[in-house]
Amino acid sequence: MSIRRNFFIRTVAGIAGDSAASFALASVCIWVIQSAALGLFLSFLVWLLGLIAWLAVSQYAVHPAVAALLSDRKLDKGLAASLESARAAVAAASSLWGYAQQFAVDFRSMAKSA
């Protein structure tokens, strides 16, 4: 189960990184085309160079960063820490709810006055 979960997390991170890189390079291409007032052929060349740059950034920066930052060991530790934090938050919320019930706090009247 954890292998599929980690694969899914790394896939989503890779797609998000690729999307961010493509949007950034598309913005650069649009800026260059607009600021330099390039013609149709030169605009095509700028987009072509942007596409090649995006492929290079994806291959040599995004995917190695995802592989290094999201290893199986790091994902398992991070998810375990998240699970412990969620359990602590549930325990704190349930104890606060118990105190509120013990001291007869009426949340409906608080919601109406807000």
PDB file of N, CA and C in Angstrom:
ATOM      1  N   MET A   1       0.820  -1.197   0.000  1.00  0.00           N
ATOM      2  CA  MET A   1       0.000   0.000   0.000  1.00  0.00           C
ATOM      3  C   MET A   1       0.862   1.257   0.000  1.00  0.00           C
ATOM      4  N   SER A   2       1.939   1.254   0.769  1.00  0.00           N
ATOM      5  CA  SER A   2       2.757   2.465   0.855  1.00  0.00           C
ATOM      6  C   SER A   2       3.520   2.726  -0.443  1.00  0.00           C
ATOM      7  N   ILE A   3       3.810   1.664  -1.212  1.00  0.00           N
ATOM      8  CA  ILE A   3       4.512   1.866  -2.477  1.00  0.00           C
ATOM      9  C   ILE A   3       3.605   2.586  -3.461  1.00  0.00           C
ATOM     10  N   ARG A   4       2.328   2.178  -3.516  1.00  0.00           N
ATOM     11  CA  ARG A   4       1.390   2.859  -4.401  1.00  0.00           C
ATOM     12  C   ARG A   4       1.140   4.289  -3.933  1.00  0.00           C
ATOM     13  N   ARG A   5       1.020   4.477  -2.620  1.00  0.00           N
ATOM     14  CA  ARG A   5       0.797   5.809  -2.073  1.00  0.00           C
ATOM     15  C   ARG A   5       1.983   6.731  -2.393  1.00  0.00           C
ATOM     16  N   ASN A   6       3.193   6.251  -2.187  1.00  0.00           N
ATOM     17  CA  ASN A   6       4.371   7.060  -2.463  1.00  0.00           C
ATOM     18  C   ASN A   6       4.515   7.350  -3.950  1.00  0.00           C
ATOM     19  N   PHE A   7       4.186   6.369  -4.792  1.00  0.00           N
ATOM     20  CA  PHE A   7       4.225   6.583  -6.238  1.00  0.00           C
ATOM     21  C   PHE A   7       3.226   7.664  -6.637  1.00  0.00           C
ATOM     22  N   PHE A   8       2.021   7.608  -6.058  1.00  0.00           N
ATOM     23  CA  PHE A   8       1.004   8.612  -6.359  1.00  0.00           C
ATOM     24  C   PHE A   8       1.455  10.004  -5.923  1.00  0.00           C
ATOM     25  N   ILE A   9       2.044  10.114  -4.739  1.00  0.00           N
ATOM     26  CA  ILE A   9       2.513  11.412  -4.236  1.00  0.00           C
ATOM     27  C   ILE A   9       3.614  11.963  -5.134  1.00  0.00           C
ATOM     28  N   ARG A  10       4.574  11.104  -5.515  1.00  0.00           N
ATOM     29  CA  ARG A  10       5.653  11.568  -6.394  1.00  0.00           C
ATOM     30  C   ARG A  10       5.126  11.944  -7.776  1.00  0.00           C
ATOM     31  N   THR A  11       4.137  11.214  -8.284  1.00  0.00           N
ATOM     32  CA  THR A  11       3.559  11.542  -9.592  1.00  0.00           C
ATOM     33  C   THR A  11       2.869  12.893  -9.551  1.00  0.00           C
ATOM     34  N   VAL A  12       2.082  13.136  -8.521  1.00  0.00           N
ATOM     35  CA  VAL A  12       1.394  14.427  -8.393  1.00  0.00           C
ATOM     36  C   VAL A  12       2.409  15.558  -8.241  1.00  0.00           C
ATOM     37  N   ALA A  13       3.467  15.333  -7.456  1.00  0.00           N
ATOM     38  CA  ALA A  13       4.496  16.361  -7.295  1.00  0.00           C
ATOM     39  C   ALA A  13       5.224  16.625  -8.611  1.00  0.00           C
ATOM     40  N   GLY A  14       5.494  15.583  -9.379  1.00  0.00           N
ATOM     41  CA  GLY A  14       6.147  15.770 -10.679  1.00  0.00           C
ATOM     42  C   GLY A  14       5.276  16.539 -11.652  1.00  0.00           C
ATOM     43  N   ILE A  15       3.981  16.209 -11.683  1.00  0.00           N
ATOM     44  CA  ILE A  15       3.067  16.921 -12.579  1.00  0.00           C
ATOM     45  C   ILE A  15       2.938  18.380 -12.156  1.00  0.00           C
ATOM     46  N   ALA A  16       2.857  18.617 -10.848  1.00  0.00           N
ATOM     47  CA  ALA A  16       2.765  19.998 -10.362  1.00  0.00           C
ATOM     48  C   ALA A  16       4.038  20.782 -10.681  1.00  0.00           C
ATOM     49  N   GLY A  17       5.195  20.152 -10.533  1.00  0.00           N
ATOM     50  CA  GLY A  17       6.454  20.815 -10.873  1.00  0.00           C
ATOM     51  C   GLY A  17       6.571  21.093 -12.358  1.00  0.00           C
ATOM     52  N   ASP A  18       6.151  20.138 -13.180  1.00  0.00           N
ATOM     53  CA  ASP A  18       6.159  20.347 -14.630  1.00  0.00           C
ATOM     54  C   ASP A  18       5.217  21.474 -15.030  1.00  0.00           C
ATOM     55  N   SER A  19       4.049  21.522 -14.400  1.00  0.00           N
ATOM     56  CA  SER A  19       3.099  22.593 -14.703  1.00  0.00           C
ATOM     57  C   SER A  19       3.657  23.950 -14.312  1.00  0.00           C
ATOM     58  N   ALA A  20       4.272  24.024 -13.145  1.00  0.00           N
ATOM     59  CA  ALA A  20       4.845  25.295 -12.705  1.00  0.00           C
ATOM     60  C   ALA A  20       5.962  25.749 -13.635  1.00  0.00           C
ATOM     61  N   ALA A  21       6.808  24.816 -14.041  1.00  0.00           N
ATOM     62  CA  ALA A  21       7.897  25.168 -14.958  1.00  0.00           C
ATOM     63  C   ALA A  21       7.356  25.604 -16.313  1.00  0.00           C
ATOM     64  N   SER A  22       6.317  24.915 -16.792  1.00  0.00           N
ATOM     65  CA  SER A  22       5.766  25.284 -18.106  1.00  0.00           C
ATOM     66  C   SER A  22       5.094  26.643 -18.059  1.00  0.00           C
ATOM     67  N   PHE A  23       4.365  26.949 -16.982  1.00  0.00           N
ATOM     68  CA  PHE A  23       3.743  28.265 -16.873  1.00  0.00           C
ATOM     69  C   PHE A  23       4.784  29.370 -16.756  1.00  0.00           C
ATOM     70  N   ALA A  24       5.857  29.114 -16.024  1.00  0.00           N
ATOM     71  CA  ALA A  24       6.905  30.115 -15.885  1.00  0.00           C
ATOM     72  C   ALA A  24       7.589  30.383 -17.231  1.00  0.00           C
ATOM     73  N   LEU A  25       7.915  29.326 -17.946  1.00  0.00           N
ATOM     74  CA  LEU A  25       8.574  29.521 -19.236  1.00  0.00           C
ATOM     75  C   LEU A  25       7.623  30.109 -20.277  1.00  0.00           C
ATOM     76  N   ALA A  26       6.333  29.791 -20.203  1.00  0.00           N
ATOM     77  CA  ALA A  26       5.361  30.409 -21.109  1.00  0.00           C
ATOM     78  C   ALA A  26       5.241  31.904 -20.822  1.00  0.00           C
ATOM     79  N   SER A  27       5.293  32.270 -19.556  1.00  0.00           N
ATOM     80  CA  SER A  27       5.257  33.694 -19.200  1.00  0.00           C
ATOM     81  C   SER A  27       6.478  34.427 -19.718  1.00  0.00           C
ATOM     82  N   VAL A  28       7.626  33.786 -19.634  1.00  0.00           N
ATOM     83  CA  VAL A  28       8.852  34.386 -20.164  1.00  0.00           C
ATOM     84  C   VAL A  28       8.740  34.554 -21.679  1.00  0.00           C
ATOM     85  N   CYS A  29       8.224  33.539 -22.350  1.00  0.00           N
ATOM     86  CA  CYS A  29       8.074  33.631 -23.813  1.00  0.00           C
ATOM     87  C   CYS A  29       7.107  34.753 -24.194  1.00  0.00           C
ATOM     88  N   ILE A  30       6.000  34.852 -23.502  1.00  0.00           N
ATOM     89  CA  ILE A  30       5.039  35.919 -23.792  1.00  0.00           C
ATOM     90  C   ILE A  30       5.659  37.284 -23.549  1.00  0.00           C
ATOM     91  N   TRP A  31       6.411  37.409 -22.460  1.00  0.00           N
ATOM     92  CA  TRP A  31       7.058  38.684 -22.155  1.00  0.00           C
ATOM     93  C   TRP A  31       8.062  39.065 -23.244  1.00  0.00           C
ATOM     94  N   VAL A  32       8.873  38.102 -23.686  1.00  0.00           N
ATOM     95  CA  VAL A  32       9.868  38.384 -24.730  1.00  0.00           C
ATOM     96  C   VAL A  32       9.175  38.774 -26.031  1.00  0.00           C
ATOM     97  N   ILE A  33       8.128  38.056 -26.391  1.00  0.00           N
ATOM     98  CA  ILE A  33       7.424  38.350 -27.645  1.00  0.00           C
ATOM     99  C   ILE A  33       6.787  39.730 -27.592  1.00  0.00           C
ATOM    100  N   GLN A  34       6.162  40.072 -26.480  1.00  0.00           N
ATOM    101  CA  GLN A  34       5.488  41.361 -26.384  1.00  0.00           C
ATOM    102  C   GLN A  34       6.468  42.525 -26.258  1.00  0.00           C
ATOM    103  N   SER A  35       7.511  42.345 -25.481  1.00  0.00           N
ATOM    104  CA  SER A  35       8.437  43.464 -25.273  1.00  0.00           C
ATOM    105  C   SER A  35       9.306  43.719 -26.500  1.00  0.00           C
ATOM    106  N   ALA A  36       9.626  42.668 -27.242  1.00  0.00           N
ATOM    107  CA  ALA A  36      10.464  42.849 -28.418  1.00  0.00           C
ATOM    108  C   ALA A  36       9.640  43.053 -29.688  1.00  0.00           C
ATOM    109  N   ALA A  37       8.316  42.930 -29.602  1.00  0.00           N
ATOM    110  CA  ALA A  37       7.419  43.073 -30.747  1.00  0.00           C
ATOM    111  C   ALA A  37       7.905  42.226 -31.926  1.00  0.00           C
ATOM    112  N   LEU A  38       8.059  40.933 -31.653  1.00  0.00           N
ATOM    113  CA  LEU A  38       8.583  40.017 -32.656  1.00  0.00           C
ATOM    114  C   LEU A  38       7.515  39.674 -33.686  1.00  0.00           C
ATOM    115  N   GLY A  39       7.956  39.321 -34.867  1.00  0.00           N
ATOM    116  CA  GLY A  39       7.045  38.897 -35.922  1.00  0.00           C
ATOM    117  C   GLY A  39       6.612  37.462 -35.719  1.00  0.00           C
ATOM    118  N   LEU A  40       5.873  36.945 -36.665  1.00  0.00           N
ATOM    119  CA  LEU A  40       5.302  35.609 -36.545  1.00  0.00           C
ATOM    120  C   LEU A  40       6.372  34.525 -36.510  1.00  0.00           C
ATOM    121  N   PHE A  41       7.363  34.598 -37.389  1.00  0.00           N
ATOM    122  CA  PHE A  41       8.398  33.563 -37.440  1.00  0.00           C
ATOM    123  C   PHE A  41       9.270  33.596 -36.184  1.00  0.00           C
ATOM    124  N   LEU A  42       9.669  34.795 -35.751  1.00  0.00           N
ATOM    125  CA  LEU A  42      10.498  34.881 -34.548  1.00  0.00           C
ATOM    126  C   LEU A  42       9.702  34.483 -33.302  1.00  0.00           C
ATOM    127  N   SER A  43       8.401  34.773 -33.299  1.00  0.00           N
ATOM    128  CA  SER A  43       7.567  34.321 -32.179  1.00  0.00           C
ATOM    129  C   SER A  43       7.531  32.793 -32.128  1.00  0.00           C
ATOM    130  N   PHE A  44       7.431  32.164 -33.297  1.00  0.00           N
ATOM    131  CA  PHE A  44       7.456  30.705 -33.361  1.00  0.00           C
ATOM    132  C   PHE A  44       8.776  30.173 -32.811  1.00  0.00           C
ATOM    133  N   LEU A  45       9.879  30.820 -33.164  1.00  0.00           N
ATOM    134  CA  LEU A  45      11.189  30.376 -32.666  1.00  0.00           C
ATOM    135  C   LEU A  45      11.298  30.545 -31.151  1.00  0.00           C
ATOM    136  N   VAL A  46      10.747  31.633 -30.627  1.00  0.00           N
ATOM    137  CA  VAL A  46      10.785  31.828 -29.164  1.00  0.00           C
ATOM    138  C   VAL A  46       9.984  30.729 -28.475  1.00  0.00           C
ATOM    139  N   TRP A  47       8.792  30.402 -29.009  1.00  0.00           N
ATOM    140  CA  TRP A  47       7.999  29.325 -28.416  1.00  0.00           C
ATOM    141  C   TRP A  47       8.718  27.987 -28.530  1.00  0.00           C
ATOM    142  N   LEU A  48       9.400  27.761 -29.636  1.00  0.00           N
ATOM    143  CA  LEU A  48      10.142  26.516 -29.808  1.00  0.00           C
ATOM    144  C   LEU A  48      11.292  26.426 -28.802  1.00  0.00           C
ATOM    145  N   LEU A  49      12.020  27.518 -28.622  1.00  0.00           N
ATOM    146  CA  LEU A  49      13.084  27.535 -27.612  1.00  0.00           C
ATOM    147  C   LEU A  49      12.518  27.374 -26.201  1.00  0.00           C
ATOM    148  N   GLY A  50      11.353  27.975 -25.958  1.00  0.00           N
ATOM    149  CA  GLY A  50      10.706  27.811 -24.657  1.00  0.00           C
ATOM    150  C   GLY A  50      10.310  26.375 -24.392  1.00  0.00           C
ATOM    151  N   LEU A  51       9.813  25.686 -25.423  1.00  0.00           N
ATOM    152  CA  LEU A  51       9.451  24.282 -25.287  1.00  0.00           C
ATOM    153  C   LEU A  51      10.670  23.417 -24.997  1.00  0.00           C
ATOM    154  N   ILE A  52      11.751  23.675 -25.707  1.00  0.00           N
ATOM    155  CA  ILE A  52      12.991  22.917 -25.475  1.00  0.00           C
ATOM    156  C   ILE A  52      13.542  23.205 -24.078  1.00  0.00           C
ATOM    157  N   ALA A  53      13.470  24.476 -23.650  1.00  0.00           N
ATOM    158  CA  ALA A  53      13.923  24.819 -22.296  1.00  0.00           C
ATOM    159  C   ALA A  53      13.056  24.142 -21.241  1.00  0.00           C
ATOM    160  N   TRP A  54      11.728  24.074 -21.492  1.00  0.00           N
ATOM    161  CA  TRP A  54      10.844  23.416 -20.533  1.00  0.00           C
ATOM    162  C   TRP A  54      11.181  21.933 -20.418  1.00  0.00           C
ATOM    163  N   LEU A  55      11.436  21.271 -21.545  1.00  0.00           N
ATOM    164  CA  LEU A  55      11.810  19.859 -21.499  1.00  0.00           C
ATOM    165  C   LEU A  55      13.107  19.650 -20.728  1.00  0.00           C
ATOM    166  N   ALA A  56      14.063  20.555 -20.923  1.00  0.00           N
ATOM    167  CA  ALA A  56      15.335  20.436 -20.204  1.00  0.00           C
ATOM    168  C   ALA A  56      15.143  20.671 -18.707  1.00  0.00           C
ATOM    169  N   VAL A  57      14.363  21.691 -18.341  1.00  0.00           N
ATOM    170  CA  VAL A  57      14.112  21.968 -16.918  1.00  0.00           C
ATOM    171  C   VAL A  57      13.382  20.790 -16.281  1.00  0.00           C
ATOM    172  N   SER A  58      12.418  20.236 -16.995  1.00  0.00           N
ATOM    173  CA  SER A  58      11.671  19.100 -16.467  1.00  0.00           C
ATOM    174  C   SER A  58      12.579  17.893 -16.256  1.00  0.00           C
ATOM    175  N   GLN A  59      13.406  17.597 -17.246  1.00  0.00           N
ATOM    176  CA  GLN A  59      14.258  16.410 -17.184  1.00  0.00           C
ATOM    177  C   GLN A  59      15.399  16.551 -16.186  1.00  0.00           C
ATOM    178  N   TYR A  60      16.032  17.720 -16.137  1.00  0.00           N
ATOM    179  CA  TYR A  60      17.258  17.866 -15.352  1.00  0.00           C
ATOM    180  C   TYR A  60      17.079  18.597 -14.036  1.00  0.00           C
ATOM    181  N   ALA A  61      15.909  19.200 -13.770  1.00  0.00           N
ATOM    182  CA  ALA A  61      15.725  19.907 -12.503  1.00  0.00           C
ATOM    183  C   ALA A  61      14.521  19.392 -11.725  1.00  0.00           C
ATOM    184  N   VAL A  62      13.352  19.346 -12.366  1.00  0.00           N
ATOM    185  CA  VAL A  62      12.125  19.009 -11.634  1.00  0.00           C
ATOM    186  C   VAL A  62      12.125  17.551 -11.181  1.00  0.00           C
ATOM    187  N   HIS A  63      12.319  16.627 -12.108  1.00  0.00           N
ATOM    188  CA  HIS A  63      12.227  15.215 -11.752  1.00  0.00           C
ATOM    189  C   HIS A  63      13.343  14.747 -10.812  1.00  0.00           C
ATOM    190  N   PRO A  64      14.592  15.196 -10.961  1.00  0.00           N
ATOM    191  CA  PRO A  64      15.583  14.828  -9.942  1.00  0.00           C
ATOM    192  C   PRO A  64      15.282  15.430  -8.571  1.00  0.00           C
ATOM    193  N   ALA A  65      14.721  16.654  -8.539  1.00  0.00           N
ATOM    194  CA  ALA A  65      14.365  17.265  -7.257  1.00  0.00           C
ATOM    195  C   ALA A  65      13.240  16.485  -6.586  1.00  0.00           C
ATOM    196  N   VAL A  66      12.250  16.060  -7.367  1.00  0.00           N
ATOM    197  CA  VAL A  66      11.159  15.260  -6.802  1.00  0.00           C
ATOM    198  C   VAL A  66      11.700  13.934  -6.279  1.00  0.00           C
ATOM    199  N   ALA A  67      12.583  13.306  -7.016  1.00  0.00           N
ATOM    200  CA  ALA A  67      13.140  12.021  -6.577  1.00  0.00           C
ATOM    201  C   ALA A  67      13.984  12.180  -5.313  1.00  0.00           C
ATOM    202  N   ALA A  68      14.718  13.293  -5.211  1.00  0.00           N
ATOM    203  CA  ALA A  68      15.568  13.495  -4.033  1.00  0.00           C
ATOM    204  C   ALA A  68      14.768  13.920  -2.810  1.00  0.00           C
ATOM    205  N   LEU A  69      13.794  14.795  -3.010  1.00  0.00           N
ATOM    206  CA  LEU A  69      13.051  15.332  -1.873  1.00  0.00           C
ATOM    207  C   LEU A  69      11.941  14.397  -1.389  1.00  0.00           C
ATOM    208  N   LEU A  70      11.460  13.531  -2.245  1.00  0.00           N
ATOM    209  CA  LEU A  70      10.348  12.657  -1.879  1.00  0.00           C
ATOM    210  C   LEU A  70      10.739  11.186  -1.965  1.00  0.00           C
ATOM    211  N   SER A  71      11.773  10.821  -1.233  1.00  0.00           N
ATOM    212  CA  SER A  71      12.166   9.411  -1.193  1.00  0.00           C
ATOM    213  C   SER A  71      11.166   8.642  -0.318  1.00  0.00           C
ATOM    214  N   ASP A  72      11.194   7.322  -0.399  1.00  0.00           N
ATOM    215  CA  ASP A  72      10.256   6.506   0.378  1.00  0.00           C
ATOM    216  C   ASP A  72      10.407   6.739   1.879  1.00  0.00           C
ATOM    217  N   ARG A  73      11.641   6.824   2.345  1.00  0.00           N
ATOM    218  CA  ARG A  73      11.894   7.025   3.776  1.00  0.00           C
ATOM    219  C   ARG A  73      11.349   8.365   4.245  1.00  0.00           C
ATOM    220  N   LYS A  74      11.595   9.433   3.459  1.00  0.00           N
ATOM    221  CA  LYS A  74      11.116  10.758   3.843  1.00  0.00           C
ATOM    222  C   LYS A  74       9.597  10.841   3.799  1.00  0.00           C
ATOM    223  N   LEU A  75       8.986  10.231   2.790  1.00  0.00           N
ATOM    224  CA  LEU A  75       7.520  10.242   2.719  1.00  0.00           C
ATOM    225  C   LEU A  75       6.898   9.488   3.878  1.00  0.00           C
ATOM    226  N   ASP A  76       7.462   8.329   4.212  1.00  0.00           N
ATOM    227  CA  ASP A  76       6.912   7.555   5.326  1.00  0.00           C
ATOM    228  C   ASP A  76       7.036   8.308   6.642  1.00  0.00           C
ATOM    229  N   LYS A  77       8.186   8.968   6.869  1.00  0.00           N
ATOM    230  CA  LYS A  77       8.359   9.745   8.091  1.00  0.00           C
ATOM    231  C   LYS A  77       7.418  10.954   8.118  1.00  0.00           C
ATOM    232  N   GLY A  78       7.282  11.618   6.996  1.00  0.00           N
ATOM    233  CA  GLY A  78       6.403  12.785   6.944  1.00  0.00           C
ATOM    234  C   GLY A  78       4.950  12.426   7.147  1.00  0.00           C
ATOM    235  N   LEU A  79       4.514  11.324   6.550  1.00  0.00           N
ATOM    236  CA  LEU A  79       3.127  10.895   6.734  1.00  0.00           C
ATOM    237  C   LEU A  79       2.878  10.392   8.150  1.00  0.00           C
ATOM    238  N   ALA A  80       3.872   9.756   8.754  1.00  0.00           N
ATOM    239  CA  ALA A  80       3.719   9.336  10.151  1.00  0.00           C
ATOM    240  C   ALA A  80       3.611  10.550  11.067  1.00  0.00           C
ATOM    241  N   ALA A  81       4.411  11.578  10.811  1.00  0.00           N
ATOM    242  CA  ALA A  81       4.329  12.800  11.617  1.00  0.00           C
ATOM    243  C   ALA A  81       2.985  13.498  11.415  1.00  0.00           C
ATOM    244  N   SER A  82       2.482  13.503  10.188  1.00  0.00           N
ATOM    245  CA  SER A  82       1.167  14.093   9.928  1.00  0.00           C
ATOM    246  C   SER A  82       0.072  13.325  10.648  1.00  0.00           C
ATOM    247  N   LEU A  83       0.176  12.013  10.667  1.00  0.00           N
ATOM    248  CA  LEU A  83      -0.815  11.196  11.345  1.00  0.00           C
ATOM    249  C   LEU A  83      -0.782  11.440  12.851  1.00  0.00           C
ATOM    250  N   GLU A  84       0.415  11.563  13.423  1.00  0.00           N
ATOM    251  CA  GLU A  84       0.526  11.864  14.854  1.00  0.00           C
ATOM    252  C   GLU A  84      -0.056  13.237  15.169  1.00  0.00           C
ATOM    253  N   SER A  85       0.186  14.219  14.302  1.00  0.00           N
ATOM    254  CA  SER A  85      -0.365  15.557  14.513  1.00  0.00           C
ATOM    255  C   SER A  85      -1.883  15.541  14.424  1.00  0.00           C
ATOM    256  N   ALA A  86      -2.418  14.795  13.472  1.00  0.00           N
ATOM    257  CA  ALA A  86      -3.876  14.698  13.341  1.00  0.00           C
ATOM    258  C   ALA A  86      -4.485  14.023  14.560  1.00  0.00           C
ATOM    259  N   ARG A  87      -3.851  12.978  15.052  1.00  0.00           N
ATOM    260  CA  ARG A  87      -4.364  12.305  16.257  1.00  0.00           C
ATOM    261  C   ARG A  87      -4.322  13.240  17.465  1.00  0.00           C
ATOM    262  N   ALA A  88      -3.251  14.028  17.590  1.00  0.00           N
ATOM    263  CA  ALA A  88      -3.163  14.982  18.703  1.00  0.00           C
ATOM    264  C   ALA A  88      -4.231  16.057  18.574  1.00  0.00           C
ATOM    265  N   ALA A  89      -4.512  16.514  17.353  1.00  0.00           N
ATOM    266  CA  ALA A  89      -5.545  17.528  17.150  1.00  0.00           C
ATOM    267  C   ALA A  89      -6.922  16.965  17.485  1.00  0.00           C
ATOM    268  N   VAL A  90      -7.191  15.716  17.121  1.00  0.00           N
ATOM    269  CA  VAL A  90      -8.478  15.094  17.456  1.00  0.00           C
ATOM    270  C   VAL A  90      -8.615  14.936  18.961  1.00  0.00           C
ATOM    271  N   ALA A  91      -7.542  14.538  19.631  1.00  0.00           N
ATOM    272  CA  ALA A  91      -7.592  14.383  21.086  1.00  0.00           C
ATOM    273  C   ALA A  91      -7.835  15.730  21.764  1.00  0.00           C
ATOM    274  N   ALA A  92      -7.168  16.778  21.278  1.00  0.00           N
ATOM    275  CA  ALA A  92      -7.365  18.106  21.861  1.00  0.00           C
ATOM    276  C   ALA A  92      -8.781  18.605  21.621  1.00  0.00           C
ATOM    277  N   ALA A  93      -9.299  18.389  20.413  1.00  0.00           N
ATOM    278  CA  ALA A  93     -10.666  18.825  20.104  1.00  0.00           C
ATOM    279  C   ALA A  93     -11.683  18.075  20.944  1.00  0.00           C
ATOM    280  N   SER A  94     -11.489  16.776  21.125  1.00  0.00           N
ATOM    281  CA  SER A  94     -12.450  16.015  21.930  1.00  0.00           C
ATOM    282  C   SER A  94     -12.391  16.421  23.396  1.00  0.00           C
ATOM    283  N   SER A  95     -11.202  16.721  23.915  1.00  0.00           N
ATOM    284  CA  SER A  95     -11.128  17.172  25.314  1.00  0.00           C
ATOM    285  C   SER A  95     -11.741  18.566  25.467  1.00  0.00           C
ATOM    286  N   LEU A  96     -11.556  19.444  24.498  1.00  0.00           N
ATOM    287  CA  LEU A  96     -12.199  20.753  24.547  1.00  0.00           C
ATOM    288  C   LEU A  96     -13.715  20.619  24.468  1.00  0.00           C
ATOM    289  N   TRP A  97     -14.181  19.707  23.639  1.00  0.00           N
ATOM    290  CA  TRP A  97     -15.617  19.473  23.544  1.00  0.00           C
ATOM    291  C   TRP A  97     -16.166  18.951  24.880  1.00  0.00           C
ATOM    292  N   GLY A  98     -15.403  18.078  25.535  1.00  0.00           N
ATOM    293  CA  GLY A  98     -15.811  17.570  26.846  1.00  0.00           C
ATOM    294  C   GLY A  98     -15.881  18.687  27.874  1.00  0.00           C
ATOM    295  N   TYR A  99     -14.870  19.591  27.872  1.00  0.00           N
ATOM    296  CA  TYR A  99     -14.906  20.733  28.796  1.00  0.00           C
ATOM    297  C   TYR A  99     -16.096  21.646  28.498  1.00  0.00           C
ATOM    298  N   ALA A 100     -16.383  21.844  27.219  1.00  0.00           N
ATOM    299  CA  ALA A 100     -17.514  22.698  26.853  1.00  0.00           C
ATOM    300  C   ALA A 100     -18.830  22.074  27.314  1.00  0.00           C
ATOM    301  N   GLN A 101     -18.951  20.765  27.194  1.00  0.00           N
ATOM    302  CA  GLN A 101     -20.166  20.096  27.660  1.00  0.00           C
ATOM    303  C   GLN A 101     -20.265  20.121  29.180  1.00  0.00           C
ATOM    304  N   GLN A 102     -19.111  20.007  29.838  1.00  0.00           N
ATOM    305  CA  GLN A 102     -19.089  20.005  31.298  1.00  0.00           C
ATOM    306  C   GLN A 102     -19.517  21.363  31.858  1.00  0.00           C
ATOM    307  N   PHE A 103     -19.093  22.445  31.217  1.00  0.00           N
ATOM    308  CA  PHE A 103     -19.421  23.785  31.696  1.00  0.00           C
ATOM    309  C   PHE A 103     -20.648  24.370  30.994  1.00  0.00           C
ATOM    310  N   ALA A 104     -21.374  23.540  30.269  1.00  0.00           N
ATOM    311  CA  ALA A 104     -22.632  23.908  29.607  1.00  0.00           C
ATOM    312  C   ALA A 104     -22.479  25.125  28.702  1.00  0.00           C
ATOM    313  N   VAL A 105     -21.509  25.077  27.806  1.00  0.00           N
ATOM    314  CA  VAL A 105     -21.323  26.150  26.822  1.00  0.00           C
ATOM    315  C   VAL A 105     -22.309  25.910  25.685  1.00  0.00           C
ATOM    316  N   ASP A 106     -23.080  26.945  25.325  1.00  0.00           N
ATOM    317  CA  ASP A 106     -24.062  26.828  24.252  1.00  0.00           C
ATOM    318  C   ASP A 106     -23.469  27.439  22.981  1.00  0.00           C
ATOM    319  N   PHE A 107     -23.061  26.588  22.050  1.00  0.00           N
ATOM    320  CA  PHE A 107     -22.428  27.075  20.827  1.00  0.00           C
ATOM    321  C   PHE A 107     -23.430  27.716  19.884  1.00  0.00           C
ATOM    322  N   ARG A 108     -24.691  27.330  19.978  1.00  0.00           N
ATOM    323  CA  ARG A 108     -25.703  27.924  19.102  1.00  0.00           C
ATOM    324  C   ARG A 108     -25.899  29.407  19.404  1.00  0.00           C
ATOM    325  N   SER A 109     -25.891  29.750  20.676  1.00  0.00           N
ATOM    326  CA  SER A 109     -26.046  31.166  21.010  1.00  0.00           C
ATOM    327  C   SER A 109     -24.820  31.973  20.597  1.00  0.00           C
ATOM    328  N   MET A 110     -23.648  31.337  20.627  1.00  0.00           N
ATOM    329  CA  MET A 110     -22.439  32.022  20.166  1.00  0.00           C
ATOM    330  C   MET A 110     -22.500  32.268  18.662  1.00  0.00           C
ATOM    331  N   ALA A 111     -23.019  31.312  17.919  1.00  0.00           N
ATOM    332  CA  ALA A 111     -23.107  31.460  16.476  1.00  0.00           C
ATOM    333  C   ALA A 111     -24.125  32.526  16.105  1.00  0.00           C
ATOM    334  N   LYS A 112     -25.203  32.667  16.839  1.00  0.00           N
ATOM    335  CA  LYS A 112     -26.217  33.679  16.552  1.00  0.00           C
ATOM    336  C   LYS A 112     -25.717  35.070  16.857  1.00  0.00           C
ATOM    337  N   SER A 113     -24.879  35.222  17.866  1.00  0.00           N
ATOM    338  CA  SER A 113     -24.395  36.551  18.234  1.00  0.00           C
ATOM    339  C   SER A 113     -23.259  37.036  17.348  1.00  0.00           C
ATOM    340  N   ALA A 114     -22.619  36.129  16.634  1.00  0.00           N
ATOM    341  CA  ALA A 114     -21.481  36.522  15.793  1.00  0.00           C
ATOM    342  C   ALA A 114     -21.867  37.156  14.508  1.00  0.00           C
TER     343      ALA A 114
END
